[in-house]
Amino acid sequence: MVALLVGVVFLAFTVFSVLPLPFGLDWWPQVVFVLKGAVPVFALFIGLIAIFIGVADIKDKIEAKKEEEEEAKEEAKEVSAEAKKD
């Protein structure tokens, strides 16, 4: 309930702050200025995070492939050991 109330208060302040002067604070030009500067930085961070996730995914796939090869070798050894017993 508190989170809902805080959300409503922040939403109301946001609307009030960007409304023209007779009704609000008229901060819209400053908001646009900040967004223009923040979008490239935000895009940079998203790009870096995507690269890190991609590299981690490639490493995981290589590791999974190695584990599958090791399991296949172990199964082959077990089968050959069983064949020698018979």
Protein backbone atom coordinates (compact mmCIF):
# COMPACT_ATOMS: atom_id res chain seq x y z
CA MET A 1 0.00 0.00 0.00
CA VAL A 2 2.85 2.35 0.86
CA ALA A 3 4.57 1.61 -2.46
CA LEU A 4 1.37 2.43 -4.32
CA LEU A 5 1.03 5.72 -2.47
CA VAL A 6 4.66 6.64 -3.11
CA GLY A 7 4.21 5.79 -6.79
CA VAL A 8 1.16 8.04 -7.07
CA VAL A 9 3.00 10.90 -5.34
CA PHE A 10 6.01 10.61 -7.65
CA LEU A 11 3.77 10.39 -10.71
CA ALA A 12 1.86 13.50 -9.62
CA PHE A 13 5.12 15.38 -9.01
CA THR A 14 6.40 14.37 -12.44
CA VAL A 15 3.29 15.66 -14.18
CA PHE A 16 3.35 18.86 -12.07
CA SER A 17 7.01 19.50 -12.83
CA VAL A 18 6.65 19.39 -16.62
CA LEU A 19 3.43 21.38 -16.92
CA PRO A 20 3.65 25.00 -18.15
CA LEU A 21 4.23 27.77 -15.58
CA PRO A 22 0.73 28.76 -14.51
CA PHE A 23 0.02 25.14 -13.54
CA GLY A 24 3.45 23.66 -12.89
CA LEU A 25 7.20 24.19 -12.79
CA ASP A 26 7.82 24.16 -16.59
CA TRP A 27 10.84 21.85 -16.39
CA TRP A 28 10.10 20.18 -19.75
CA PRO A 29 13.04 21.79 -21.62
CA GLN A 30 15.45 20.63 -18.92
CA VAL A 31 13.96 17.13 -18.99
CA VAL A 32 14.50 16.94 -22.75
CA PHE A 33 18.07 18.24 -22.32
CA VAL A 34 18.87 15.53 -19.78
CA LEU A 35 17.29 12.84 -21.94
CA LYS A 36 19.32 13.93 -24.96
CA GLY A 37 22.50 13.49 -22.94
CA ALA A 38 21.43 10.31 -21.20
CA VAL A 39 20.31 8.31 -24.24
CA PRO A 40 23.82 7.79 -25.71
CA VAL A 41 25.24 6.87 -22.29
CA PHE A 42 22.34 4.47 -21.70
CA ALA A 43 22.90 2.94 -25.15
CA LEU A 44 26.60 2.50 -24.31
CA PHE A 45 25.80 0.64 -21.09
CA ILE A 46 23.25 -1.59 -22.82
CA GLY A 47 25.78 -2.39 -25.54
CA LEU A 48 28.48 -3.29 -23.01
CA ILE A 49 26.10 -5.47 -21.04
CA ALA A 50 25.01 -7.23 -24.23
CA ILE A 51 28.65 -7.91 -25.16
CA PHE A 52 29.39 -9.33 -21.69
CA ILE A 53 26.31 -11.55 -21.86
CA GLY A 54 27.27 -12.74 -25.35
CA VAL A 55 30.82 -13.63 -24.28
CA ALA A 56 29.51 -15.47 -21.21
CA ASP A 57 27.04 -17.38 -23.39
CA ILE A 58 29.80 -18.45 -25.78
CA LYS A 59 31.95 -19.61 -22.85
CA ASP A 60 29.01 -21.58 -21.42
CA LYS A 61 28.39 -23.29 -24.76
CA ILE A 62 32.07 -24.25 -25.07
CA GLU A 63 32.07 -25.61 -21.52
CA ALA A 64 28.86 -27.58 -22.12
CA LYS A 65 30.34 -29.08 -25.29
CA LYS A 66 33.48 -30.16 -23.38
CA GLU A 67 31.35 -31.75 -20.66
CA GLU A 68 29.31 -33.65 -23.27
CA GLU A 69 32.52 -34.92 -24.88
CA GLU A 70 33.86 -36.06 -21.48
CA GLU A 71 30.59 -37.86 -20.72
CA ALA A 72 30.69 -39.57 -24.10
CA LYS A 73 34.27 -40.71 -23.45
CA GLU A 74 33.32 -42.05 -20.02
CA GLU A 75 30.36 -43.94 -21.48
CA ALA A 76 32.59 -45.40 -24.17
CA LYS A 77 35.06 -46.56 -21.52
CA GLU A 78 32.27 -48.14 -19.50
CA VAL A 79 30.91 -49.95 -22.55
CA SER A 80 34.35 -51.24 -23.51
CA ALA A 81 34.99 -52.33 -19.91
CA GLU A 82 31.68 -54.23 -19.86
CA ALA A 83 32.46 -55.81 -23.23
CA LYS A 84 35.82 -57.03 -21.91
CA LYS A 85 34.12 -58.61 -18.88
CA ASP A 86 31.72 -60.58 -21.04
